[in-house]
N, C-alpha and C. Protein backbone atom coordinates (compact mmCIF):
# COMPACT_ATOMS: atom_id res chain seq x y z
N MET A 1 10.20 19.78 7.07
CA MET A 1 10.23 19.97 5.65
C MET A 1 8.80 19.83 5.09
N ARG A 2 8.41 20.73 4.23
CA ARG A 2 7.06 20.73 3.67
C ARG A 2 6.92 19.71 2.54
N GLU A 3 5.83 18.98 2.52
CA GLU A 3 5.53 18.02 1.46
C GLU A 3 5.26 18.78 0.17
N GLN A 4 5.96 18.41 -0.92
CA GLN A 4 5.80 19.11 -2.18
C GLN A 4 5.09 18.27 -3.24
N ARG A 5 4.70 17.06 -2.92
CA ARG A 5 4.05 16.21 -3.92
C ARG A 5 2.65 16.72 -4.23
N ARG A 6 2.27 16.60 -5.51
CA ARG A 6 0.96 17.05 -5.95
C ARG A 6 -0.09 15.96 -5.81
N SER A 7 0.33 14.72 -5.61
CA SER A 7 -0.63 13.62 -5.53
C SER A 7 -0.17 12.60 -4.50
N ARG A 8 -1.13 11.84 -4.03
CA ARG A 8 -0.86 10.81 -3.03
C ARG A 8 -0.02 9.70 -3.64
N ARG A 9 0.95 9.22 -2.88
CA ARG A 9 1.74 8.09 -3.36
C ARG A 9 1.38 6.85 -2.57
N PHE A 10 1.54 5.72 -3.24
CA PHE A 10 1.20 4.43 -2.65
C PHE A 10 2.46 3.59 -2.51
N ALA A 11 2.73 3.14 -1.30
CA ALA A 11 3.91 2.32 -1.04
C ALA A 11 3.73 0.96 -1.70
N LEU A 12 4.75 0.52 -2.37
CA LEU A 12 4.79 -0.79 -3.02
C LEU A 12 6.17 -1.39 -2.78
N ASN A 13 6.32 -2.63 -3.09
CA ASN A 13 7.63 -3.27 -3.13
C ASN A 13 7.52 -4.38 -4.17
N LEU A 14 7.53 -3.96 -5.43
CA LEU A 14 7.30 -4.88 -6.54
C LEU A 14 8.51 -4.95 -7.45
N GLU A 15 8.69 -6.11 -8.03
CA GLU A 15 9.75 -6.31 -9.00
C GLU A 15 9.47 -5.50 -10.26
N VAL A 16 10.49 -4.81 -10.76
CA VAL A 16 10.41 -4.16 -12.06
C VAL A 16 10.81 -5.21 -13.09
N LEU A 17 9.95 -5.45 -14.07
CA LEU A 17 10.19 -6.51 -15.04
C LEU A 17 11.22 -6.11 -16.10
N GLU A 18 11.12 -4.88 -16.58
CA GLU A 18 12.03 -4.38 -17.62
C GLU A 18 12.30 -2.91 -17.41
N ILE A 19 13.49 -2.50 -17.82
CA ILE A 19 13.83 -1.08 -17.89
C ILE A 19 14.39 -0.84 -19.28
N SER A 20 13.76 0.07 -19.99
CA SER A 20 14.16 0.42 -21.36
C SER A 20 14.29 -0.81 -22.25
N GLY A 21 13.34 -1.74 -22.10
CA GLY A 21 13.27 -2.92 -22.95
C GLY A 21 14.20 -4.06 -22.58
N LYS A 22 14.92 -3.94 -21.47
CA LYS A 22 15.85 -4.99 -21.04
C LYS A 22 15.43 -5.53 -19.67
N PRO A 23 15.68 -6.82 -19.41
CA PRO A 23 15.38 -7.37 -18.08
C PRO A 23 16.04 -6.53 -17.00
N ALA A 24 15.39 -6.45 -15.86
CA ALA A 24 15.86 -5.57 -14.78
C ALA A 24 16.03 -6.33 -13.47
N PRO A 25 16.91 -7.34 -13.44
CA PRO A 25 17.07 -8.09 -12.19
C PRO A 25 17.52 -7.17 -11.05
N GLY A 26 16.84 -7.29 -9.93
CA GLY A 26 17.20 -6.49 -8.76
C GLY A 26 16.53 -5.14 -8.69
N ALA A 27 15.82 -4.72 -9.72
CA ALA A 27 15.13 -3.43 -9.70
C ALA A 27 13.75 -3.60 -9.05
N ARG A 28 13.38 -2.64 -8.22
CA ARG A 28 12.09 -2.68 -7.51
C ARG A 28 11.42 -1.31 -7.61
N ILE A 29 10.10 -1.32 -7.59
CA ILE A 29 9.35 -0.07 -7.47
C ILE A 29 8.94 0.04 -6.01
N LEU A 30 9.27 1.17 -5.39
CA LEU A 30 9.03 1.36 -3.96
C LEU A 30 7.75 2.14 -3.67
N ASP A 31 7.44 3.11 -4.52
CA ASP A 31 6.15 3.78 -4.40
C ASP A 31 5.76 4.36 -5.74
N LEU A 32 4.46 4.70 -5.85
CA LEU A 32 3.89 5.08 -7.13
C LEU A 32 2.79 6.11 -6.90
N SER A 33 2.73 7.10 -7.78
CA SER A 33 1.63 8.06 -7.78
C SER A 33 1.29 8.36 -9.24
N VAL A 34 0.27 9.15 -9.46
CA VAL A 34 -0.07 9.50 -10.85
C VAL A 34 0.99 10.38 -11.48
N ASN A 35 1.84 11.01 -10.68
CA ASN A 35 2.87 11.90 -11.20
C ASN A 35 4.26 11.28 -11.31
N GLY A 36 4.49 10.14 -10.66
CA GLY A 36 5.82 9.58 -10.71
C GLY A 36 5.97 8.33 -9.86
N ALA A 37 7.23 7.93 -9.70
CA ALA A 37 7.54 6.70 -8.97
C ALA A 37 8.90 6.83 -8.30
N ARG A 38 9.10 6.00 -7.30
CA ARG A 38 10.41 5.87 -6.65
C ARG A 38 10.87 4.44 -6.88
N LEU A 39 12.05 4.30 -7.47
CA LEU A 39 12.59 2.98 -7.81
C LEU A 39 13.88 2.71 -7.05
N ALA A 40 14.10 1.45 -6.70
CA ALA A 40 15.40 0.99 -6.21
C ALA A 40 16.06 0.28 -7.39
N LEU A 41 17.22 0.76 -7.79
CA LEU A 41 17.89 0.25 -8.98
C LEU A 41 19.28 -0.26 -8.66
N PRO A 42 19.73 -1.31 -9.37
CA PRO A 42 21.07 -1.83 -9.15
C PRO A 42 22.13 -1.10 -9.99
N PHE A 43 21.81 0.10 -10.46
CA PHE A 43 22.74 0.88 -11.27
C PHE A 43 22.43 2.36 -11.10
N ALA A 44 23.39 3.20 -11.46
CA ALA A 44 23.21 4.65 -11.36
C ALA A 44 22.50 5.18 -12.61
N THR A 45 21.77 6.25 -12.43
CA THR A 45 21.13 6.96 -13.54
C THR A 45 21.65 8.39 -13.55
N ARG A 46 21.27 9.14 -14.57
CA ARG A 46 21.64 10.55 -14.65
C ARG A 46 20.38 11.40 -14.44
N ILE A 47 20.53 12.55 -13.82
CA ILE A 47 19.42 13.47 -13.68
C ILE A 47 18.95 13.84 -15.09
N ASN A 48 17.64 13.86 -15.28
CA ASN A 48 16.96 14.12 -16.55
C ASN A 48 17.02 12.96 -17.54
N GLU A 49 17.64 11.86 -17.16
CA GLU A 49 17.64 10.67 -18.02
C GLU A 49 16.22 10.13 -18.12
N GLN A 50 15.85 9.68 -19.30
CA GLN A 50 14.53 9.07 -19.49
C GLN A 50 14.60 7.59 -19.18
N LEU A 51 13.66 7.11 -18.37
CA LEU A 51 13.54 5.68 -18.07
C LEU A 51 12.15 5.20 -18.43
N LYS A 52 12.10 4.08 -19.09
CA LYS A 52 10.84 3.40 -19.40
C LYS A 52 10.88 2.09 -18.63
N PHE A 53 9.89 1.86 -17.77
CA PHE A 53 9.91 0.63 -16.99
C PHE A 53 8.56 -0.08 -17.03
N MET A 54 8.63 -1.38 -16.84
CA MET A 54 7.43 -2.23 -16.87
C MET A 54 7.30 -2.95 -15.53
N VAL A 55 6.07 -2.97 -15.01
CA VAL A 55 5.79 -3.60 -13.73
C VAL A 55 4.38 -4.21 -13.79
N LEU A 56 4.20 -5.32 -13.08
CA LEU A 56 2.88 -5.92 -12.97
C LEU A 56 2.27 -5.47 -11.65
N LEU A 57 1.27 -4.61 -11.73
CA LEU A 57 0.61 -4.09 -10.53
C LEU A 57 -0.35 -5.13 -9.97
N PRO A 58 -0.47 -5.23 -8.66
CA PRO A 58 -1.36 -6.21 -8.05
C PRO A 58 -2.79 -6.07 -8.57
N GLY A 59 -3.40 -7.22 -8.88
CA GLY A 59 -4.77 -7.24 -9.35
C GLY A 59 -4.94 -7.07 -10.84
N LEU A 60 -3.87 -6.72 -11.55
CA LEU A 60 -3.95 -6.58 -13.00
C LEU A 60 -3.39 -7.84 -13.65
N THR A 61 -3.84 -8.12 -14.86
CA THR A 61 -3.41 -9.35 -15.55
C THR A 61 -2.28 -9.12 -16.54
N LYS A 62 -2.05 -7.86 -16.92
CA LYS A 62 -0.94 -7.60 -17.83
C LYS A 62 -0.08 -6.47 -17.30
N PRO A 63 1.22 -6.51 -17.58
CA PRO A 63 2.12 -5.48 -17.06
C PRO A 63 1.80 -4.10 -17.60
N SER A 64 2.11 -3.09 -16.81
CA SER A 64 1.96 -1.69 -17.19
C SER A 64 3.33 -1.11 -17.46
N THR A 65 3.41 -0.22 -18.45
CA THR A 65 4.66 0.44 -18.81
C THR A 65 4.52 1.93 -18.55
N PHE A 66 5.54 2.52 -17.94
CA PHE A 66 5.55 3.95 -17.61
C PHE A 66 6.86 4.56 -18.09
N ILE A 67 6.79 5.82 -18.49
CA ILE A 67 7.98 6.54 -18.95
C ILE A 67 8.07 7.84 -18.15
N GLY A 68 9.26 8.10 -17.64
CA GLY A 68 9.48 9.34 -16.90
C GLY A 68 10.93 9.76 -16.96
N ARG A 69 11.20 10.88 -16.32
CA ARG A 69 12.58 11.37 -16.26
C ARG A 69 13.06 11.34 -14.82
N VAL A 70 14.34 11.08 -14.67
CA VAL A 70 14.96 11.05 -13.34
C VAL A 70 15.03 12.48 -12.82
N VAL A 71 14.43 12.71 -11.65
CA VAL A 71 14.47 14.05 -11.05
C VAL A 71 15.37 14.09 -9.81
N TRP A 72 15.65 12.94 -9.23
CA TRP A 72 16.61 12.87 -8.13
C TRP A 72 17.12 11.43 -8.01
N LYS A 73 18.25 11.28 -7.35
CA LYS A 73 18.80 9.95 -7.08
C LYS A 73 19.71 10.05 -5.86
N LYS A 74 19.87 8.93 -5.17
CA LYS A 74 20.81 8.89 -4.05
C LYS A 74 21.28 7.46 -3.87
N PRO A 75 22.53 7.28 -3.45
CA PRO A 75 23.04 5.93 -3.20
C PRO A 75 22.24 5.28 -2.08
N ALA A 76 21.96 3.99 -2.25
CA ALA A 76 21.19 3.25 -1.23
C ALA A 76 22.09 2.39 -0.36
N ASP A 77 23.22 1.94 -0.92
CA ASP A 77 24.12 1.07 -0.17
C ASP A 77 25.49 1.04 -0.86
N PRO A 78 26.49 0.46 -0.20
CA PRO A 78 27.84 0.41 -0.78
C PRO A 78 27.97 -0.53 -1.98
N GLU A 79 26.96 -1.36 -2.22
CA GLU A 79 27.03 -2.32 -3.33
C GLU A 79 26.64 -1.70 -4.67
N GLY A 80 26.38 -0.40 -4.72
CA GLY A 80 26.08 0.25 -5.99
C GLY A 80 24.61 0.37 -6.32
N ARG A 81 23.75 0.14 -5.34
CA ARG A 81 22.30 0.32 -5.57
C ARG A 81 21.93 1.78 -5.32
N TYR A 82 20.92 2.23 -6.02
CA TYR A 82 20.46 3.61 -5.92
C TYR A 82 18.95 3.65 -5.75
N VAL A 83 18.49 4.68 -5.05
CA VAL A 83 17.06 5.00 -5.01
C VAL A 83 16.90 6.20 -5.93
N THR A 84 15.92 6.09 -6.83
CA THR A 84 15.77 7.07 -7.91
C THR A 84 14.33 7.55 -7.97
N GLY A 85 14.14 8.86 -8.09
CA GLY A 85 12.81 9.43 -8.22
C GLY A 85 12.54 9.80 -9.66
N LEU A 86 11.39 9.36 -10.18
CA LEU A 86 10.99 9.66 -11.56
C LEU A 86 9.76 10.54 -11.57
N GLN A 87 9.71 11.45 -12.52
CA GLN A 87 8.51 12.22 -12.80
C GLN A 87 7.99 11.77 -14.15
N PHE A 88 6.71 11.38 -14.20
CA PHE A 88 6.14 10.91 -15.46
C PHE A 88 5.94 12.09 -16.41
N TYR A 89 6.09 11.82 -17.70
CA TYR A 89 5.87 12.82 -18.74
C TYR A 89 4.40 13.07 -18.99
N GLN A 90 3.58 12.08 -18.74
CA GLN A 90 2.16 12.16 -19.07
C GLN A 90 1.34 11.52 -17.96
N ASN A 91 0.03 11.71 -18.04
CA ASN A 91 -0.88 11.04 -17.12
C ASN A 91 -1.27 9.70 -17.74
N TYR A 92 -1.31 8.69 -16.91
CA TYR A 92 -1.71 7.35 -17.35
C TYR A 92 -3.10 7.06 -16.81
N TRP A 93 -4.08 6.99 -17.70
CA TRP A 93 -5.46 6.77 -17.29
C TRP A 93 -5.60 5.46 -16.52
N ASP A 94 -4.97 4.39 -17.02
CA ASP A 94 -5.06 3.09 -16.35
C ASP A 94 -4.47 3.16 -14.93
N LEU A 95 -3.36 3.88 -14.79
CA LEU A 95 -2.75 4.02 -13.47
C LEU A 95 -3.67 4.80 -12.55
N ASP A 96 -4.26 5.86 -13.04
CA ASP A 96 -5.19 6.65 -12.23
C ASP A 96 -6.34 5.77 -11.73
N GLN A 97 -6.88 4.94 -12.59
CA GLN A 97 -7.98 4.04 -12.21
C GLN A 97 -7.50 3.02 -11.17
N TRP A 98 -6.32 2.47 -11.36
CA TRP A 98 -5.77 1.49 -10.42
C TRP A 98 -5.55 2.13 -9.04
N LEU A 99 -4.97 3.33 -9.03
CA LEU A 99 -4.72 4.02 -7.77
C LEU A 99 -6.02 4.38 -7.06
N ARG A 100 -7.03 4.78 -7.80
CA ARG A 100 -8.33 5.07 -7.18
C ARG A 100 -8.93 3.81 -6.54
N ALA A 101 -8.77 2.68 -7.21
CA ALA A 101 -9.26 1.41 -6.64
C ALA A 101 -8.51 1.07 -5.36
N GLN A 102 -7.22 1.36 -5.29
CA GLN A 102 -6.44 1.09 -4.09
C GLN A 102 -6.93 1.95 -2.94
N THR A 103 -7.29 3.18 -3.22
CA THR A 103 -7.80 4.10 -2.19
C THR A 103 -9.09 3.54 -1.58
N HIS A 104 -9.96 3.01 -2.44
CA HIS A 104 -11.24 2.49 -1.95
C HIS A 104 -11.10 1.17 -1.21
N THR A 105 -10.15 0.33 -1.58
CA THR A 105 -9.99 -0.96 -0.91
C THR A 105 -9.32 -0.81 0.44
N LYS A 106 -8.55 0.27 0.66
CA LYS A 106 -7.84 0.45 1.93
C LYS A 106 -8.62 1.31 2.91
N ALA A 107 -9.69 1.90 2.47
CA ALA A 107 -10.45 2.80 3.34
C ALA A 107 -11.25 2.04 4.37
């Protein structure tokens, strides 16, 4: 299968602090790129649903908030968890800078 992503993604396993302004116990961010994210969620979403989530990225002192739309989802386990792919609506300058720093620290 051919890779269709437009940008490099970075594997993470971080707690999602909030989703749409509410606490998000059990939600995790699995990977992140300038174009989107992959989340593990304890609930189902709808395709094209808008999600706003907050996460504290390593090395930063304040949480970052991102907004995107659900472009795919799949069940992760029988307990009702899902893996969900989001596409961001906009480019986040701070995220771009953070991702560039990660590239340089891992090289």
